Amino acid sequence: MSSSSSLSKLVRLKAADMGVTMQEHAFYCANQVLDAMDKLHCKRVAWTLKKEFDKAYGPAWHCIVGTSFGSYVTHSVGGFLYFSIGKVSVLLFQTAVELIEHH
């Protein structure tokens, strides 16, 4: 696939509690990594999105990618996105990180 095809892929938003700019960032990143693959590697897509969002927006982001899965998650306010590109679904969400003090 060529990199120019990433813009033509249909992204279907399923659910969101996230600003539009962050959503577009996720769509762009997912398209970029999917376009670079000859064969679908869900774990690589999930790892790439998780690392990108940790770096851009702070921890702790979690990402689930696949063609069939169920989920039920708790997320931080403004940190939830569920979308698909073709047959691939992406669930991206953030949770709060709490430091544990050792006494």
PDB file of N, CA and C in Angstrom:
ATOM      1  N   MET A   1       0.835  -1.189   0.000  1.00  0.00           N
ATOM      2  CA  MET A   1       0.000   0.000   0.000  1.00  0.00           C
ATOM      3  C   MET A   1       0.872   1.242   0.000  1.00  0.00           C
ATOM      4  N   SER A   2       0.428   2.248  -0.640  1.00  0.00           N
ATOM      5  CA  SER A   2       1.185   3.493  -0.628  1.00  0.00           C
ATOM      6  C   SER A   2       0.735   4.364   0.530  1.00  0.00           C
ATOM      7  N   SER A   3       1.625   5.248   0.971  1.00  0.00           N
ATOM      8  CA  SER A   3       1.288   6.107   2.092  1.00  0.00           C
ATOM      9  C   SER A   3       0.149   7.065   1.751  1.00  0.00           C
ATOM     10  N   SER A   4      -0.041   7.359   0.486  1.00  0.00           N
ATOM     11  CA  SER A   4      -1.121   8.267   0.106  1.00  0.00           C
ATOM     12  C   SER A   4      -2.493   7.636   0.312  1.00  0.00           C
ATOM     13  N   SER A   5      -2.552   6.301   0.384  1.00  0.00           N
ATOM     14  CA  SER A   5      -3.840   5.640   0.570  1.00  0.00           C
ATOM     15  C   SER A   5      -4.371   5.823   1.982  1.00  0.00           C
ATOM     16  N   SER A   6      -3.528   6.243   2.926  1.00  0.00           N
ATOM     17  CA  SER A   6      -3.977   6.404   4.308  1.00  0.00           C
ATOM     18  C   SER A   6      -5.087   7.436   4.416  1.00  0.00           C
ATOM     19  N   LEU A   7      -5.038   8.469   3.579  1.00  0.00           N
ATOM     20  CA  LEU A   7      -6.048   9.511   3.648  1.00  0.00           C
ATOM     21  C   LEU A   7      -7.379   9.056   3.075  1.00  0.00           C
ATOM     22  N   SER A   8      -7.354   8.048   2.218  1.00  0.00           N
ATOM     23  CA  SER A   8      -8.579   7.600   1.582  1.00  0.00           C
ATOM     24  C   SER A   8      -9.281   6.496   2.362  1.00  0.00           C
ATOM     25  N   LYS A   9      -8.635   5.951   3.385  1.00  0.00           N
ATOM     26  CA  LYS A   9      -9.257   4.888   4.161  1.00  0.00           C
ATOM     27  C   LYS A   9     -10.370   5.452   5.031  1.00  0.00           C
ATOM     28  N   LEU A  10     -11.470   4.755   5.057  1.00  0.00           N
ATOM     29  CA  LEU A  10     -12.621   5.203   5.824  1.00  0.00           C
ATOM     30  C   LEU A  10     -12.441   4.872   7.303  1.00  0.00           C
ATOM     31  N   VAL A  11     -12.457   5.900   8.122  1.00  0.00           N
ATOM     32  CA  VAL A  11     -12.421   5.734   9.567  1.00  0.00           C
ATOM     33  C   VAL A  11     -13.856   5.851  10.053  1.00  0.00           C
ATOM     34  N   ARG A  12     -14.305   4.857  10.795  1.00  0.00           N
ATOM     35  CA  ARG A  12     -15.658   4.893  11.344  1.00  0.00           C
ATOM     36  C   ARG A  12     -15.574   5.082  12.853  1.00  0.00           C
ATOM     37  N   LEU A  13     -16.017   6.210  13.334  1.00  0.00           N
ATOM     38  CA  LEU A  13     -16.024   6.506  14.760  1.00  0.00           C
ATOM     39  C   LEU A  13     -17.182   5.760  15.406  1.00  0.00           C
ATOM     40  N   LYS A  14     -16.871   4.980  16.442  1.00  0.00           N
ATOM     41  CA  LYS A  14     -17.910   4.206  17.122  1.00  0.00           C
ATOM     42  C   LYS A  14     -18.317   4.855  18.438  1.00  0.00           C
ATOM     43  N   ALA A  15     -17.344   5.393  19.177  1.00  0.00           N
ATOM     44  CA  ALA A  15     -17.629   6.077  20.442  1.00  0.00           C
ATOM     45  C   ALA A  15     -16.418   6.916  20.815  1.00  0.00           C
ATOM     46  N   ALA A  16     -16.674   8.067  21.450  1.00  0.00           N
ATOM     47  CA  ALA A  16     -15.546   8.920  21.831  1.00  0.00           C
ATOM     48  C   ALA A  16     -15.876   9.784  23.036  1.00  0.00           C
ATOM     49  N   ASP A  17     -14.907   9.902  23.914  1.00  0.00           N
ATOM     50  CA  ASP A  17     -14.862  10.915  24.965  1.00  0.00           C
ATOM     51  C   ASP A  17     -13.451  11.482  24.842  1.00  0.00           C
ATOM     52  N   MET A  18     -13.259  12.283  23.807  1.00  0.00           N
ATOM     53  CA  MET A  18     -11.926  12.772  23.464  1.00  0.00           C
ATOM     54  C   MET A  18     -12.077  13.950  22.500  1.00  0.00           C
ATOM     55  N   GLY A  19     -11.206  14.916  22.620  1.00  0.00           N
ATOM     56  CA  GLY A  19     -11.222  16.056  21.715  1.00  0.00           C
ATOM     57  C   GLY A  19     -10.934  15.650  20.278  1.00  0.00           C
ATOM     58  N   VAL A  20     -11.438  16.438  19.356  1.00  0.00           N
ATOM     59  CA  VAL A  20     -11.307  16.138  17.928  1.00  0.00           C
ATOM     60  C   VAL A  20      -9.845  16.071  17.484  1.00  0.00           C
ATOM     61  N   THR A  21      -9.002  16.956  17.992  1.00  0.00           N
ATOM     62  CA  THR A  21      -7.587  16.951  17.605  1.00  0.00           C
ATOM     63  C   THR A  21      -6.917  15.641  18.002  1.00  0.00           C
ATOM     64  N   MET A  22      -7.204  15.161  19.208  1.00  0.00           N
ATOM     65  CA  MET A  22      -6.638  13.884  19.654  1.00  0.00           C
ATOM     66  C   MET A  22      -7.201  12.725  18.832  1.00  0.00           C
ATOM     67  N   GLN A  23      -8.486  12.785  18.505  1.00  0.00           N
ATOM     68  CA  GLN A  23      -9.084  11.743  17.664  1.00  0.00           C
ATOM     69  C   GLN A  23      -8.369  11.679  16.321  1.00  0.00           C
ATOM     70  N   GLU A  24      -8.167  12.836  15.708  1.00  0.00           N
ATOM     71  CA  GLU A  24      -7.501  12.873  14.404  1.00  0.00           C
ATOM     72  C   GLU A  24      -6.070  12.359  14.496  1.00  0.00           C
ATOM     73  N   HIS A  25      -5.401  12.626  15.615  1.00  0.00           N
ATOM     74  CA  HIS A  25      -4.054  12.110  15.849  1.00  0.00           C
ATOM     75  C   HIS A  25      -4.089  10.577  15.855  1.00  0.00           C
ATOM     76  N   ALA A  26      -5.059  10.006  16.550  1.00  0.00           N
ATOM     77  CA  ALA A  26      -5.188   8.542  16.605  1.00  0.00           C
ATOM     78  C   ALA A  26      -5.487   7.960  15.229  1.00  0.00           C
ATOM     79  N   PHE A  27      -6.403   8.580  14.497  1.00  0.00           N
ATOM     80  CA  PHE A  27      -6.746   8.092  13.156  1.00  0.00           C
ATOM     81  C   PHE A  27      -5.515   8.119  12.246  1.00  0.00           C
ATOM     82  N   TYR A  28      -4.775   9.214  12.297  1.00  0.00           N
ATOM     83  CA  TYR A  28      -3.577   9.361  11.469  1.00  0.00           C
ATOM     84  C   TYR A  28      -2.538   8.292  11.816  1.00  0.00           C
ATOM     85  N   CYS A  29      -2.262   8.124  13.113  1.00  0.00           N
ATOM     86  CA  CYS A  29      -1.258   7.135  13.548  1.00  0.00           C
ATOM     87  C   CYS A  29      -1.670   5.721  13.153  1.00  0.00           C
ATOM     88  N   ALA A  30      -2.938   5.396  13.366  1.00  0.00           N
ATOM     89  CA  ALA A  30      -3.419   4.056  13.016  1.00  0.00           C
ATOM     90  C   ALA A  30      -3.289   3.818  11.515  1.00  0.00           C
ATOM     91  N   ASN A  31      -3.689   4.783  10.719  1.00  0.00           N
ATOM     92  CA  ASN A  31      -3.562   4.649   9.264  1.00  0.00           C
ATOM     93  C   ASN A  31      -2.110   4.488   8.840  1.00  0.00           C
ATOM     94  N   GLN A  32      -1.211   5.271   9.436  1.00  0.00           N
ATOM     95  CA  GLN A  32       0.211   5.195   9.084  1.00  0.00           C
ATOM     96  C   GLN A  32       0.765   3.794   9.338  1.00  0.00           C
ATOM     97  N   VAL A  33       0.506   3.253  10.523  1.00  0.00           N
ATOM     98  CA  VAL A  33       1.070   1.939  10.854  1.00  0.00           C
ATOM     99  C   VAL A  33       0.396   0.832  10.039  1.00  0.00           C
ATOM    100  N   LEU A  34      -0.904   0.940   9.800  1.00  0.00           N
ATOM    101  CA  LEU A  34      -1.588  -0.070   8.988  1.00  0.00           C
ATOM    102  C   LEU A  34      -1.094  -0.039   7.546  1.00  0.00           C
ATOM    103  N   ASP A  35      -0.872   1.142   7.007  1.00  0.00           N
ATOM    104  CA  ASP A  35      -0.372   1.271   5.632  1.00  0.00           C
ATOM    105  C   ASP A  35       1.019   0.672   5.464  1.00  0.00           C
ATOM    106  N   ALA A  36       1.808   0.690   6.517  1.00  0.00           N
ATOM    107  CA  ALA A  36       3.184   0.188   6.448  1.00  0.00           C
ATOM    108  C   ALA A  36       3.253  -1.339   6.518  1.00  0.00           C
ATOM    109  N   MET A  37       2.126  -1.998   6.768  1.00  0.00           N
ATOM    110  CA  MET A  37       2.119  -3.456   6.940  1.00  0.00           C
ATOM    111  C   MET A  37       1.625  -4.170   5.692  1.00  0.00           C
ATOM    112  N   ASP A  38       2.294  -5.276   5.385  1.00  0.00           N
ATOM    113  CA  ASP A  38       1.803  -6.150   4.322  1.00  0.00           C
ATOM    114  C   ASP A  38       0.725  -7.075   4.868  1.00  0.00           C
ATOM    115  N   LYS A  39       0.857  -7.428   6.155  1.00  0.00           N
ATOM    116  CA  LYS A  39      -0.071  -8.321   6.842  1.00  0.00           C
ATOM    117  C   LYS A  39      -0.424  -7.672   8.175  1.00  0.00           C
ATOM    118  N   LEU A  40      -1.666  -7.816   8.605  1.00  0.00           N
ATOM    119  CA  LEU A  40      -2.119  -7.192   9.850  1.00  0.00           C
ATOM    120  C   LEU A  40      -1.405  -7.782  11.068  1.00  0.00           C
ATOM    121  N   HIS A  41      -0.802  -6.910  11.863  1.00  0.00           N
ATOM    122  CA  HIS A  41      -0.180  -7.276  13.137  1.00  0.00           C
ATOM    123  C   HIS A  41      -0.825  -6.395  14.203  1.00  0.00           C
ATOM    124  N   CYS A  42      -1.911  -6.897  14.793  1.00  0.00           N
ATOM    125  CA  CYS A  42      -2.695  -6.106  15.745  1.00  0.00           C
ATOM    126  C   CYS A  42      -1.858  -5.614  16.916  1.00  0.00           C
ATOM    127  N   LYS A  43      -0.972  -6.470  17.410  1.00  0.00           N
ATOM    128  CA  LYS A  43      -0.150  -6.098  18.560  1.00  0.00           C
ATOM    129  C   LYS A  43       0.762  -4.913  18.230  1.00  0.00           C
ATOM    130  N   ARG A  44       1.299  -4.872  17.019  1.00  0.00           N
ATOM    131  CA  ARG A  44       2.168  -3.768  16.613  1.00  0.00           C
ATOM    132  C   ARG A  44       1.375  -2.458  16.499  1.00  0.00           C
ATOM    133  N   VAL A  45       0.165  -2.533  15.974  1.00  0.00           N
ATOM    134  CA  VAL A  45      -0.680  -1.341  15.879  1.00  0.00           C
ATOM    135  C   VAL A  45      -0.981  -0.818  17.283  1.00  0.00           C
ATOM    136  N   ALA A  46      -1.363  -1.721  18.187  1.00  0.00           N
ATOM    137  CA  ALA A  46      -1.684  -1.336  19.566  1.00  0.00           C
ATOM    138  C   ALA A  46      -0.474  -0.721  20.258  1.00  0.00           C
ATOM    139  N   TRP A  47       0.689  -1.352  20.117  1.00  0.00           N
ATOM    140  CA  TRP A  47       1.915  -0.858  20.749  1.00  0.00           C
ATOM    141  C   TRP A  47       2.254   0.543  20.232  1.00  0.00           C
ATOM    142  N   THR A  48       2.153   0.734  18.917  1.00  0.00           N
ATOM    143  CA  THR A  48       2.481   2.026  18.312  1.00  0.00           C
ATOM    144  C   THR A  48       1.570   3.136  18.828  1.00  0.00           C
ATOM    145  N   LEU A  49       0.263   2.887  18.853  1.00  0.00           N
ATOM    146  CA  LEU A  49      -0.675   3.901  19.342  1.00  0.00           C
ATOM    147  C   LEU A  49      -0.469   4.186  20.825  1.00  0.00           C
ATOM    148  N   LYS A  50      -0.269   3.156  21.622  1.00  0.00           N
ATOM    149  CA  LYS A  50      -0.045   3.326  23.060  1.00  0.00           C
ATOM    150  C   LYS A  50       1.186   4.190  23.311  1.00  0.00           C
ATOM    151  N   LYS A  51       2.291   3.868  22.664  1.00  0.00           N
ATOM    152  CA  LYS A  51       3.537   4.616  22.858  1.00  0.00           C
ATOM    153  C   LYS A  51       3.406   6.057  22.366  1.00  0.00           C
ATOM    154  N   GLU A  52       2.763   6.259  21.228  1.00  0.00           N
ATOM    155  CA  GLU A  52       2.571   7.601  20.685  1.00  0.00           C
ATOM    156  C   GLU A  52       1.731   8.462  21.627  1.00  0.00           C
ATOM    157  N   PHE A  53       0.661   7.895  22.162  1.00  0.00           N
ATOM    158  CA  PHE A  53      -0.207   8.668  23.050  1.00  0.00           C
ATOM    159  C   PHE A  53       0.416   8.880  24.426  1.00  0.00           C
ATOM    160  N   ASP A  54       1.173   7.917  24.934  1.00  0.00           N
ATOM    161  CA  ASP A  54       1.918   8.131  26.186  1.00  0.00           C
ATOM    162  C   ASP A  54       2.873   9.310  26.025  1.00  0.00           C
ATOM    163  N   LYS A  55       3.563   9.354  24.889  1.00  0.00           N
ATOM    164  CA  LYS A  55       4.542  10.415  24.631  1.00  0.00           C
ATOM    165  C   LYS A  55       3.855  11.770  24.434  1.00  0.00           C
ATOM    166  N   ALA A  56       2.785  11.789  23.678  1.00  0.00           N
ATOM    167  CA  ALA A  56       2.122  13.050  23.337  1.00  0.00           C
ATOM    168  C   ALA A  56       1.236  13.607  24.447  1.00  0.00           C
ATOM    169  N   TYR A  57       0.587  12.721  25.206  1.00  0.00           N
ATOM    170  CA  TYR A  57      -0.430  13.175  26.160  1.00  0.00           C
ATOM    171  C   TYR A  57      -0.201  12.688  27.592  1.00  0.00           C
ATOM    172  N   GLY A  58       0.920  12.024  27.847  1.00  0.00           N
ATOM    173  CA  GLY A  58       1.219  11.516  29.181  1.00  0.00           C
ATOM    174  C   GLY A  58       0.579  10.161  29.417  1.00  0.00           C
ATOM    175  N   PRO A  59       1.117   9.426  30.405  1.00  0.00           N
ATOM    176  CA  PRO A  59       0.605   8.079  30.674  1.00  0.00           C
ATOM    177  C   PRO A  59      -0.750   8.137  31.387  1.00  0.00           C
ATOM    178  N   ALA A  60      -1.412   7.070  31.446  1.00  0.00           N
ATOM    179  CA  ALA A  60      -1.111   5.742  30.940  1.00  0.00           C
ATOM    180  C   ALA A  60      -2.197   5.361  29.935  1.00  0.00           C
ATOM    181  N   TRP A  61      -1.781   5.203  28.689  1.00  0.00           N
ATOM    182  CA  TRP A  61      -2.694   4.829  27.617  1.00  0.00           C
ATOM    183  C   TRP A  61      -2.669   3.328  27.409  1.00  0.00           C
ATOM    184  N   HIS A  62      -3.809   2.792  27.004  1.00  0.00           N
ATOM    185  CA  HIS A  62      -3.968   1.368  26.722  1.00  0.00           C
ATOM    186  C   HIS A  62      -4.632   1.264  25.355  1.00  0.00           C
ATOM    187  N   CYS A  63      -4.271   0.239  24.605  1.00  0.00           N
ATOM    188  CA  CYS A  63      -4.823   0.102  23.264  1.00  0.00           C
ATOM    189  C   CYS A  63      -5.091  -1.363  22.949  1.00  0.00           C
ATOM    190  N   ILE A  64      -6.270  -1.621  22.432  1.00  0.00           N
ATOM    191  CA  ILE A  64      -6.677  -2.958  22.010  1.00  0.00           C
ATOM    192  C   ILE A  64      -7.039  -2.857  20.534  1.00  0.00           C
ATOM    193  N   VAL A  65      -6.477  -3.745  19.731  1.00  0.00           N
ATOM    194  CA  VAL A  65      -6.698  -3.718  18.287  1.00  0.00           C
ATOM    195  C   VAL A  65      -7.044  -5.124  17.818  1.00  0.00           C
ATOM    196  N   GLY A  66      -8.050  -5.247  16.980  1.00  0.00           N
ATOM    197  CA  GLY A  66      -8.396  -6.555  16.449  1.00  0.00           C
ATOM    198  C   GLY A  66      -9.592  -6.493  15.527  1.00  0.00           C
ATOM    199  N   THR A  67      -9.955  -7.664  15.019  1.00  0.00           N
ATOM    200  CA  THR A  67     -11.112  -7.751  14.138  1.00  0.00           C
ATOM    201  C   THR A  67     -12.344  -8.252  14.881  1.00  0.00           C
ATOM    202  N   SER A  68     -12.157  -8.752  16.104  1.00  0.00           N
ATOM    203  CA  SER A  68     -13.281  -9.212  16.912  1.00  0.00           C
ATOM    204  C   SER A  68     -12.860  -9.262  18.370  1.00  0.00           C
ATOM    205  N   PHE A  69     -13.461  -8.428  19.200  1.00  0.00           N
ATOM    206  CA  PHE A  69     -13.190  -8.468  20.636  1.00  0.00           C
ATOM    207  C   PHE A  69     -14.309  -7.765  21.385  1.00  0.00           C
ATOM    208  N   GLY A  70     -14.450  -8.103  22.636  1.00  0.00           N
ATOM    209  CA  GLY A  70     -15.378  -7.422  23.524  1.00  0.00           C
ATOM    210  C   GLY A  70     -14.568  -6.687  24.568  1.00  0.00           C
ATOM    211  N   SER A  71     -15.160  -5.679  25.165  1.00  0.00           N
ATOM    212  CA  SER A  71     -14.430  -4.939  26.190  1.00  0.00           C
ATOM    213  C   SER A  71     -15.400  -4.240  27.123  1.00  0.00           C
ATOM    214  N   TYR A  72     -14.891  -3.919  28.291  1.00  0.00           N
ATOM    215  CA  TYR A  72     -15.607  -3.093  29.253  1.00  0.00           C
ATOM    216  C   TYR A  72     -14.525  -2.437  30.081  1.00  0.00           C
ATOM    217  N   VAL A  73     -14.321  -1.153  29.906  1.00  0.00           N
ATOM    218  CA  VAL A  73     -13.191  -0.482  30.545  1.00  0.00           C
ATOM    219  C   VAL A  73     -13.634   0.783  31.274  1.00  0.00           C
ATOM    220  N   THR A  74     -12.810   1.197  32.217  1.00  0.00           N
ATOM    221  CA  THR A  74     -12.959   2.479  32.886  1.00  0.00           C
ATOM    222  C   THR A  74     -11.844   3.369  32.361  1.00  0.00           C
ATOM    223  N   HIS A  75     -12.170   4.617  32.054  1.00  0.00           N
ATOM    224  CA  HIS A  75     -11.174   5.508  31.467  1.00  0.00           C
ATOM    225  C   HIS A  75     -11.202   6.862  32.150  1.00  0.00           C
ATOM    226  N   SER A  76     -10.128   7.594  31.999  1.00  0.00           N
ATOM    227  CA  SER A  76     -10.062   8.968  32.487  1.00  0.00           C
ATOM    228  C   SER A  76     -10.951   9.850  31.611  1.00  0.00           C
ATOM    229  N   VAL A  77     -11.487  10.909  32.197  1.00  0.00           N
ATOM    230  CA  VAL A  77     -12.322  11.847  31.445  1.00  0.00           C
ATOM    231  C   VAL A  77     -11.520  12.415  30.270  1.00  0.00           C
ATOM    232  N   GLY A  78     -12.121  12.371  29.090  1.00  0.00           N
ATOM    233  CA  GLY A  78     -11.463  12.882  27.893  1.00  0.00           C
ATOM    234  C   GLY A  78     -10.449  11.937  27.288  1.00  0.00           C
ATOM    235  N   GLY A  79     -10.429  10.698  27.755  1.00  0.00           N
ATOM    236  CA  GLY A  79      -9.419   9.750  27.296  1.00  0.00           C
ATOM    237  C   GLY A  79      -9.979   8.437  26.799  1.00  0.00           C
ATOM    238  N   PHE A  80     -10.941   8.497  25.883  1.00  0.00           N
ATOM    239  CA  PHE A  80     -11.532   7.265  25.352  1.00  0.00           C
ATOM    240  C   PHE A  80     -11.861   7.440  23.874  1.00  0.00           C
ATOM    241  N   LEU A  81     -11.474   6.435  23.079  1.00  0.00           N
ATOM    242  CA  LEU A  81     -11.767   6.461  21.648  1.00  0.00           C
ATOM    243  C   LEU A  81     -11.924   5.038  21.138  1.00  0.00           C
ATOM    244  N   TYR A  82     -13.007   4.804  20.401  1.00  0.00           N
ATOM    245  CA  TYR A  82     -13.261   3.504  19.797  1.00  0.00           C
ATOM    246  C   TYR A  82     -13.634   3.757  18.341  1.00  0.00           C
ATOM    247  N   PHE A  83     -12.831   3.210  17.424  1.00  0.00           N
ATOM    248  CA  PHE A  83     -13.059   3.440  16.003  1.00  0.00           C
ATOM    249  C   PHE A  83     -12.608   2.239  15.197  1.00  0.00           C
ATOM    250  N   SER A  84     -12.975   2.240  13.929  1.00  0.00           N
ATOM    251  CA  SER A  84     -12.518   1.173  13.040  1.00  0.00           C
ATOM    252  C   SER A  84     -11.992   1.777  11.748  1.00  0.00           C
ATOM    253  N   ILE A  85     -11.074   1.041  11.156  1.00  0.00           N
ATOM    254  CA  ILE A  85     -10.547   1.354   9.831  1.00  0.00           C
ATOM    255  C   ILE A  85     -10.662   0.051   9.054  1.00  0.00           C
ATOM    256  N   GLY A  86     -11.565   0.038   8.100  1.00  0.00           N
ATOM    257  CA  GLY A  86     -11.837  -1.216   7.414  1.00  0.00           C
ATOM    258  C   GLY A  86     -12.405  -2.221   8.400  1.00  0.00           C
ATOM    259  N   LYS A  87     -11.818  -3.407   8.456  1.00  0.00           N
ATOM    260  CA  LYS A  87     -12.294  -4.457   9.364  1.00  0.00           C
ATOM    261  C   LYS A  87     -11.587  -4.439  10.710  1.00  0.00           C
ATOM    262  N   VAL A  88     -10.646  -3.520  10.881  1.00  0.00           N
ATOM    263  CA  VAL A  88      -9.839  -3.458  12.103  1.00  0.00           C
ATOM    264  C   VAL A  88     -10.436  -2.441  13.075  1.00  0.00           C
ATOM    265  N   SER A  89     -10.737  -2.899  14.288  1.00  0.00           N
ATOM    266  CA  SER A  89     -11.257  -2.006  15.324  1.00  0.00           C
ATOM    267  C   SER A  89     -10.145  -1.630  16.289  1.00  0.00           C
ATOM    268  N   VAL A  90     -10.220  -0.395  16.795  1.00  0.00           N
ATOM    269  CA  VAL A  90      -9.212   0.130  17.717  1.00  0.00           C
ATOM    270  C   VAL A  90      -9.916   0.734  18.925  1.00  0.00           C
ATOM    271  N   LEU A  91      -9.521   0.280  20.101  1.00  0.00           N
ATOM    272  CA  LEU A  91      -9.998   0.841  21.361  1.00  0.00           C
ATOM    273  C   LEU A  91      -8.790   1.456  22.048  1.00  0.00           C
ATOM    274  N   LEU A  92      -8.831   2.758  22.271  1.00  0.00           N
ATOM    275  CA  LEU A  92      -7.716   3.497  22.861  1.00  0.00           C
ATOM    276  C   LEU A  92      -8.257   4.262  24.056  1.00  0.00           C
ATOM    277  N   PHE A  93      -7.660   4.046  25.236  1.00  0.00           N
ATOM    278  CA  PHE A  93      -8.164   4.740  26.413  1.00  0.00           C
ATOM    279  C   PHE A  93      -7.052   5.008  27.412  1.00  0.00           C
ATOM    280  N   GLN A  94      -7.283   6.027  28.231  1.00  0.00           N
ATOM    281  CA  GLN A  94      -6.302   6.447  29.229  1.00  0.00           C
ATOM    282  C   GLN A  94      -6.851   6.181  30.623  1.00  0.00           C
ATOM    283  N   THR A  95      -5.947   5.776  31.517  1.00  0.00           N
ATOM    284  CA  THR A  95      -6.294   5.635  32.928  1.00  0.00           C
ATOM    285  C   THR A  95      -5.318   6.457  33.747  1.00  0.00           C
ATOM    286  N   ALA A  96      -5.742   6.827  34.939  1.00  0.00           N
ATOM    287  CA  ALA A  96      -4.885   7.610  35.827  1.00  0.00           C
ATOM    288  C   ALA A  96      -3.778   6.725  36.386  1.00  0.00           C
ATOM    289  N   VAL A  97      -2.621   7.331  36.577  1.00  0.00           N
ATOM    290  CA  VAL A  97      -1.492   6.627  37.177  1.00  0.00           C
ATOM    291  C   VAL A  97      -1.312   7.184  38.580  1.00  0.00           C
ATOM    292  N   GLU A  98      -1.323   6.290  39.558  1.00  0.00           N
ATOM    293  CA  GLU A  98      -1.113   6.711  40.941  1.00  0.00           C
ATOM    294  C   GLU A  98       0.173   6.091  41.453  1.00  0.00           C
ATOM    295  N   LEU A  99       1.022   6.924  42.032  1.00  0.00           N
ATOM    296  CA  LEU A  99       2.258   6.423  42.622  1.00  0.00           C
ATOM    297  C   LEU A  99       1.949   5.804  43.976  1.00  0.00           C
ATOM    298  N   ILE A 100       2.522   4.662  44.224  1.00  0.00           N
ATOM    299  CA  ILE A 100       2.324   3.974  45.498  1.00  0.00           C
ATOM    300  C   ILE A 100       3.517   4.263  46.388  1.00  0.00           C
ATOM    301  N   GLU A 101       3.234   4.792  47.554  1.00  0.00           N
ATOM    302  CA  GLU A 101       4.311   5.076  48.508  1.00  0.00           C
ATOM    303  C   GLU A 101       4.603   3.828  49.325  1.00  0.00           C
ATOM    304  N   HIS A 102       5.884   3.538  49.462  1.00  0.00           N
ATOM    305  CA  HIS A 102       6.299   2.404  50.290  1.00  0.00           C
ATOM    306  C   HIS A 102       6.669   2.936  51.656  1.00  0.00           C
ATOM    307  N   HIS A 103       6.044   2.383  52.685  1.00  0.00           N
ATOM    308  CA  HIS A 103       6.318   2.839  54.061  1.00  0.00           C
ATOM    309  C   HIS A 103       7.334   1.951  54.718  1.00  0.00           C
TER     310      HIS A 103
END
